[in-house]
Amino acid sequence: MHKGHGGFYSLYGIGMDCMGTIYVIHNIKIYLYAGDHNPPHIHAFYGEYEVVIVIKNGAIMKGFIPKPQLRQVYEWLEDPAVKTKLIDWFHQLNPDLRG
């Protein structure tokens, strides 16, 4: 992946069977997966912790990360442009889930 505009990594060159870090927030790695399921969501990793968060509303689907790190992810997700980009990328990686 290539580091893109605004701190995001680019999806250029990612195969449909791949995953990758798309953003890093103070050692919190944000991932999107191909072959995933609805609703559109991100995986946030911090050390040995993982949490899965719905992009649109911030609901935790499963997992846990410490509150200070979770707060940082939520602050980042508050930006409408970030949400739009993440949902678009989720559907690029999972085209059968669009709609």
N, C-alpha and C. Protein backbone atom coordinates (compact mmCIF):
# COMPACT_ATOMS: atom_id res chain seq x y z
N MET A 1 0.83 -1.18 0.00
CA MET A 1 0.00 0.00 0.00
C MET A 1 0.87 1.24 0.00
N HIS A 2 0.30 2.28 -0.47
CA HIS A 2 1.02 3.54 -0.56
C HIS A 2 0.37 4.56 0.36
N LYS A 3 1.20 5.31 1.08
CA LYS A 3 0.68 6.36 1.95
C LYS A 3 0.00 7.40 1.08
N GLY A 4 -1.24 7.72 1.39
CA GLY A 4 -2.00 8.64 0.56
C GLY A 4 -2.25 9.96 1.25
N HIS A 5 -3.09 10.75 0.66
CA HIS A 5 -3.44 12.09 1.14
C HIS A 5 -4.13 12.00 2.51
N GLY A 6 -3.81 12.91 3.40
CA GLY A 6 -4.49 13.00 4.68
C GLY A 6 -4.13 11.90 5.66
N GLY A 7 -3.02 11.22 5.46
CA GLY A 7 -2.61 10.18 6.38
C GLY A 7 -3.14 8.80 6.05
N PHE A 8 -4.09 8.71 5.13
CA PHE A 8 -4.61 7.41 4.73
C PHE A 8 -3.59 6.70 3.85
N TYR A 9 -3.63 5.39 3.90
CA TYR A 9 -2.90 4.59 2.94
C TYR A 9 -3.82 4.36 1.76
N SER A 10 -3.27 4.19 0.59
CA SER A 10 -4.07 3.98 -0.61
C SER A 10 -4.43 2.52 -0.77
N LEU A 11 -5.59 2.24 -1.36
CA LEU A 11 -5.97 0.87 -1.66
C LEU A 11 -5.38 0.39 -2.99
N TYR A 12 -4.64 1.27 -3.66
CA TYR A 12 -4.05 0.91 -4.94
C TYR A 12 -3.21 -0.36 -4.79
N GLY A 13 -3.49 -1.33 -5.62
CA GLY A 13 -2.68 -2.54 -5.64
C GLY A 13 -3.12 -3.61 -4.66
N ILE A 14 -4.17 -3.36 -3.87
CA ILE A 14 -4.65 -4.39 -2.95
C ILE A 14 -5.51 -5.37 -3.72
N GLY A 15 -5.21 -6.64 -3.61
CA GLY A 15 -6.04 -7.67 -4.22
C GLY A 15 -7.31 -7.88 -3.40
N MET A 16 -8.29 -8.46 -4.00
CA MET A 16 -9.57 -8.64 -3.32
C MET A 16 -9.50 -9.67 -2.19
N ASP A 17 -8.40 -10.40 -2.07
CA ASP A 17 -8.27 -11.37 -0.99
C ASP A 17 -7.33 -10.86 0.09
N CYS A 18 -7.04 -9.58 0.07
CA CYS A 18 -6.06 -9.01 1.00
C CYS A 18 -6.72 -8.15 2.06
N MET A 19 -5.92 -7.81 3.03
CA MET A 19 -6.30 -6.84 4.03
C MET A 19 -5.12 -5.92 4.21
N GLY A 20 -5.33 -4.84 4.91
CA GLY A 20 -4.19 -3.99 5.16
C GLY A 20 -4.50 -2.86 6.10
N THR A 21 -3.42 -2.32 6.66
CA THR A 21 -3.55 -1.15 7.51
C THR A 21 -3.87 0.03 6.60
N ILE A 22 -4.96 0.72 6.89
CA ILE A 22 -5.32 1.88 6.07
C ILE A 22 -5.04 3.18 6.78
N TYR A 23 -4.84 3.12 8.12
CA TYR A 23 -4.58 4.33 8.88
C TYR A 23 -3.95 3.93 10.21
N VAL A 24 -3.13 4.81 10.75
CA VAL A 24 -2.54 4.58 12.07
C VAL A 24 -2.76 5.83 12.91
N ILE A 25 -3.33 5.63 14.10
CA ILE A 25 -3.58 6.72 15.04
C ILE A 25 -2.81 6.39 16.32
N HIS A 26 -1.69 7.02 16.55
CA HIS A 26 -0.93 6.81 17.79
C HIS A 26 -0.81 5.33 18.14
N ASN A 27 -0.25 4.54 17.26
CA ASN A 27 -0.04 3.09 17.45
C ASN A 27 -1.32 2.26 17.39
N ILE A 28 -2.43 2.85 17.03
CA ILE A 28 -3.67 2.10 16.80
C ILE A 28 -3.77 1.89 15.29
N LYS A 29 -3.74 0.65 14.86
CA LYS A 29 -3.81 0.34 13.43
C LYS A 29 -5.25 0.07 13.04
N ILE A 30 -5.67 0.74 11.98
CA ILE A 30 -7.03 0.60 11.45
C ILE A 30 -6.96 -0.27 10.19
N TYR A 31 -7.75 -1.32 10.16
CA TYR A 31 -7.76 -2.26 9.04
C TYR A 31 -9.14 -2.32 8.40
N LEU A 32 -9.14 -2.61 7.10
CA LEU A 32 -10.33 -3.05 6.37
C LEU A 32 -9.98 -4.40 5.76
N TYR A 33 -10.94 -5.29 5.69
CA TYR A 33 -10.72 -6.62 5.14
C TYR A 33 -11.56 -6.82 3.88
N ALA A 34 -10.99 -7.53 2.92
CA ALA A 34 -11.77 -8.03 1.78
C ALA A 34 -12.45 -9.32 2.24
N GLY A 35 -13.57 -9.63 1.61
CA GLY A 35 -14.29 -10.85 1.98
C GLY A 35 -14.97 -10.74 3.33
N ASP A 36 -15.28 -9.54 3.74
CA ASP A 36 -15.88 -9.30 5.05
C ASP A 36 -17.41 -9.29 4.94
N HIS A 37 -18.09 -8.84 5.94
CA HIS A 37 -19.55 -8.89 6.03
C HIS A 37 -20.10 -7.50 6.37
N ASN A 38 -21.40 -7.32 6.14
CA ASN A 38 -22.07 -6.08 6.53
C ASN A 38 -22.35 -6.09 8.02
N PRO A 39 -22.58 -4.95 8.63
CA PRO A 39 -22.50 -3.60 8.08
C PRO A 39 -21.05 -3.17 7.88
N PRO A 40 -20.81 -2.17 7.02
CA PRO A 40 -19.45 -1.68 6.81
C PRO A 40 -18.80 -1.30 8.16
N HIS A 41 -17.61 -1.82 8.38
CA HIS A 41 -16.95 -1.64 9.67
C HIS A 41 -15.44 -1.64 9.51
N ILE A 42 -14.78 -1.20 10.57
CA ILE A 42 -13.32 -1.23 10.63
C ILE A 42 -12.90 -2.15 11.77
N HIS A 43 -11.65 -2.59 11.68
CA HIS A 43 -11.01 -3.33 12.76
C HIS A 43 -9.90 -2.42 13.29
N ALA A 44 -9.92 -2.16 14.58
CA ALA A 44 -8.88 -1.33 15.20
C ALA A 44 -8.06 -2.22 16.14
N PHE A 45 -6.74 -2.20 15.95
CA PHE A 45 -5.83 -3.01 16.76
C PHE A 45 -4.92 -2.10 17.57
N TYR A 46 -4.77 -2.44 18.83
CA TYR A 46 -3.85 -1.74 19.72
C TYR A 46 -3.20 -2.80 20.59
N GLY A 47 -1.91 -3.07 20.34
CA GLY A 47 -1.25 -4.14 21.07
C GLY A 47 -1.96 -5.45 20.85
N GLU A 48 -2.33 -6.11 21.94
CA GLU A 48 -3.03 -7.40 21.83
C GLU A 48 -4.54 -7.24 21.72
N TYR A 49 -5.03 -6.01 21.70
CA TYR A 49 -6.47 -5.74 21.67
C TYR A 49 -6.97 -5.51 20.25
N GLU A 50 -8.23 -5.92 20.03
CA GLU A 50 -8.90 -5.64 18.77
C GLU A 50 -10.35 -5.29 19.05
N VAL A 51 -10.85 -4.29 18.34
CA VAL A 51 -12.26 -3.94 18.40
C VAL A 51 -12.76 -3.76 16.98
N VAL A 52 -14.00 -4.18 16.74
CA VAL A 52 -14.65 -4.03 15.44
C VAL A 52 -15.75 -3.00 15.61
N ILE A 53 -15.69 -1.92 14.79
CA ILE A 53 -16.57 -0.77 14.96
C ILE A 53 -17.32 -0.49 13.66
N VAL A 54 -18.65 -0.32 13.76
CA VAL A 54 -19.49 0.05 12.61
C VAL A 54 -19.13 1.48 12.22
N ILE A 55 -18.86 1.70 10.94
CA ILE A 55 -18.39 3.01 10.47
C ILE A 55 -19.46 4.08 10.66
N LYS A 56 -20.70 3.81 10.28
CA LYS A 56 -21.75 4.85 10.29
C LYS A 56 -22.09 5.37 11.67
N ASN A 57 -22.16 4.48 12.67
CA ASN A 57 -22.66 4.93 13.97
C ASN A 57 -21.70 4.69 15.14
N GLY A 58 -20.56 4.08 14.88
CA GLY A 58 -19.58 3.87 15.94
C GLY A 58 -19.90 2.74 16.90
N ALA A 59 -20.93 1.96 16.60
CA ALA A 59 -21.29 0.85 17.48
C ALA A 59 -20.18 -0.20 17.50
N ILE A 60 -19.90 -0.74 18.66
CA ILE A 60 -18.91 -1.81 18.78
C ILE A 60 -19.62 -3.13 18.48
N MET A 61 -19.13 -3.82 17.45
CA MET A 61 -19.69 -5.11 17.07
C MET A 61 -19.12 -6.21 17.96
N LYS A 62 -17.82 -6.11 18.24
CA LYS A 62 -17.17 -7.08 19.13
C LYS A 62 -15.80 -6.55 19.50
N GLY A 63 -15.26 -7.10 20.54
CA GLY A 63 -13.90 -6.80 20.93
C GLY A 63 -13.78 -5.67 21.94
N PHE A 64 -12.53 -5.28 22.16
CA PHE A 64 -12.20 -4.30 23.18
C PHE A 64 -10.84 -3.68 22.88
N ILE A 65 -10.73 -2.38 23.09
CA ILE A 65 -9.44 -1.71 23.24
C ILE A 65 -9.61 -0.74 24.41
N PRO A 66 -8.52 -0.38 25.07
CA PRO A 66 -8.63 0.53 26.22
C PRO A 66 -9.32 1.84 25.84
N LYS A 67 -10.02 2.42 26.82
CA LYS A 67 -10.84 3.62 26.58
C LYS A 67 -10.07 4.79 25.95
N PRO A 68 -8.84 5.10 26.38
CA PRO A 68 -8.16 6.23 25.73
C PRO A 68 -7.95 6.01 24.23
N GLN A 69 -7.63 4.78 23.84
CA GLN A 69 -7.43 4.48 22.43
C GLN A 69 -8.76 4.45 21.69
N LEU A 70 -9.80 3.91 22.33
CA LEU A 70 -11.12 3.90 21.71
C LEU A 70 -11.59 5.33 21.46
N ARG A 71 -11.34 6.21 22.40
CA ARG A 71 -11.71 7.63 22.25
C ARG A 71 -11.01 8.23 21.03
N GLN A 72 -9.74 7.89 20.82
CA GLN A 72 -9.01 8.42 19.66
C GLN A 72 -9.62 7.92 18.35
N VAL A 73 -10.01 6.65 18.32
CA VAL A 73 -10.65 6.12 17.11
C VAL A 73 -11.98 6.83 16.87
N TYR A 74 -12.78 7.02 17.92
CA TYR A 74 -14.06 7.71 17.77
C TYR A 74 -13.88 9.15 17.30
N GLU A 75 -12.88 9.83 17.82
CA GLU A 75 -12.62 11.21 17.38
C GLU A 75 -12.31 11.24 15.89
N TRP A 76 -11.52 10.29 15.43
CA TRP A 76 -11.16 10.20 14.02
C TRP A 76 -12.41 9.89 13.18
N LEU A 77 -13.25 8.97 13.67
CA LEU A 77 -14.45 8.57 12.93
C LEU A 77 -15.53 9.66 12.88
N GLU A 78 -15.43 10.68 13.73
CA GLU A 78 -16.42 11.76 13.72
C GLU A 78 -16.40 12.56 12.43
N ASP A 79 -15.28 12.58 11.74
CA ASP A 79 -15.14 13.36 10.51
C ASP A 79 -15.97 12.72 9.40
N PRO A 80 -16.96 13.45 8.84
CA PRO A 80 -17.79 12.88 7.76
C PRO A 80 -16.97 12.44 6.55
N ALA A 81 -15.90 13.15 6.24
CA ALA A 81 -15.07 12.76 5.09
C ALA A 81 -14.39 11.41 5.35
N VAL A 82 -13.99 11.16 6.58
CA VAL A 82 -13.37 9.88 6.94
C VAL A 82 -14.41 8.77 6.78
N LYS A 83 -15.61 8.98 7.30
CA LYS A 83 -16.66 7.97 7.18
C LYS A 83 -16.96 7.64 5.72
N THR A 84 -17.08 8.67 4.90
CA THR A 84 -17.36 8.47 3.48
C THR A 84 -16.27 7.65 2.81
N LYS A 85 -15.01 8.01 3.08
CA LYS A 85 -13.89 7.30 2.48
C LYS A 85 -13.86 5.84 2.93
N LEU A 86 -14.07 5.60 4.22
CA LEU A 86 -14.03 4.24 4.75
C LEU A 86 -15.14 3.38 4.16
N ILE A 87 -16.34 3.92 4.06
CA ILE A 87 -17.45 3.16 3.49
C ILE A 87 -17.19 2.85 2.02
N ASP A 88 -16.66 3.83 1.29
CA ASP A 88 -16.32 3.61 -0.11
C ASP A 88 -15.27 2.49 -0.24
N TRP A 89 -14.23 2.56 0.56
CA TRP A 89 -13.17 1.53 0.50
C TRP A 89 -13.70 0.17 0.92
N PHE A 90 -14.55 0.13 1.95
CA PHE A 90 -15.15 -1.14 2.37
C PHE A 90 -15.87 -1.78 1.20
N HIS A 91 -16.65 -0.98 0.45
CA HIS A 91 -17.40 -1.53 -0.68
C HIS A 91 -16.50 -1.88 -1.86
N GLN A 92 -15.38 -1.17 -2.04
CA GLN A 92 -14.42 -1.57 -3.08
C GLN A 92 -13.84 -2.95 -2.77
N LEU A 93 -13.56 -3.20 -1.50
CA LEU A 93 -13.01 -4.48 -1.09
C LEU A 93 -14.07 -5.58 -1.01
N ASN A 94 -15.33 -5.18 -0.87
CA ASN A 94 -16.45 -6.13 -0.70
C ASN A 94 -17.60 -5.73 -1.62
N PRO A 95 -17.40 -5.78 -2.94
CA PRO A 95 -18.40 -5.26 -3.87
C PRO A 95 -19.75 -5.97 -3.81
N ASP A 96 -19.80 -7.22 -3.40
CA ASP A 96 -21.05 -7.94 -3.32
C ASP A 96 -21.94 -7.46 -2.18
N LEU A 97 -21.39 -6.65 -1.28
CA LEU A 97 -22.14 -6.16 -0.12
C LEU A 97 -22.72 -4.78 -0.33
N ARG A 98 -22.45 -4.18 -1.47
CA ARG A 98 -22.95 -2.84 -1.76
C ARG A 98 -24.47 -2.87 -1.88
N GLY A 99 -25.09 -1.78 -1.40
CA GLY A 99 -26.52 -1.67 -1.61
C GLY A 99 -27.26 -1.75 -0.39
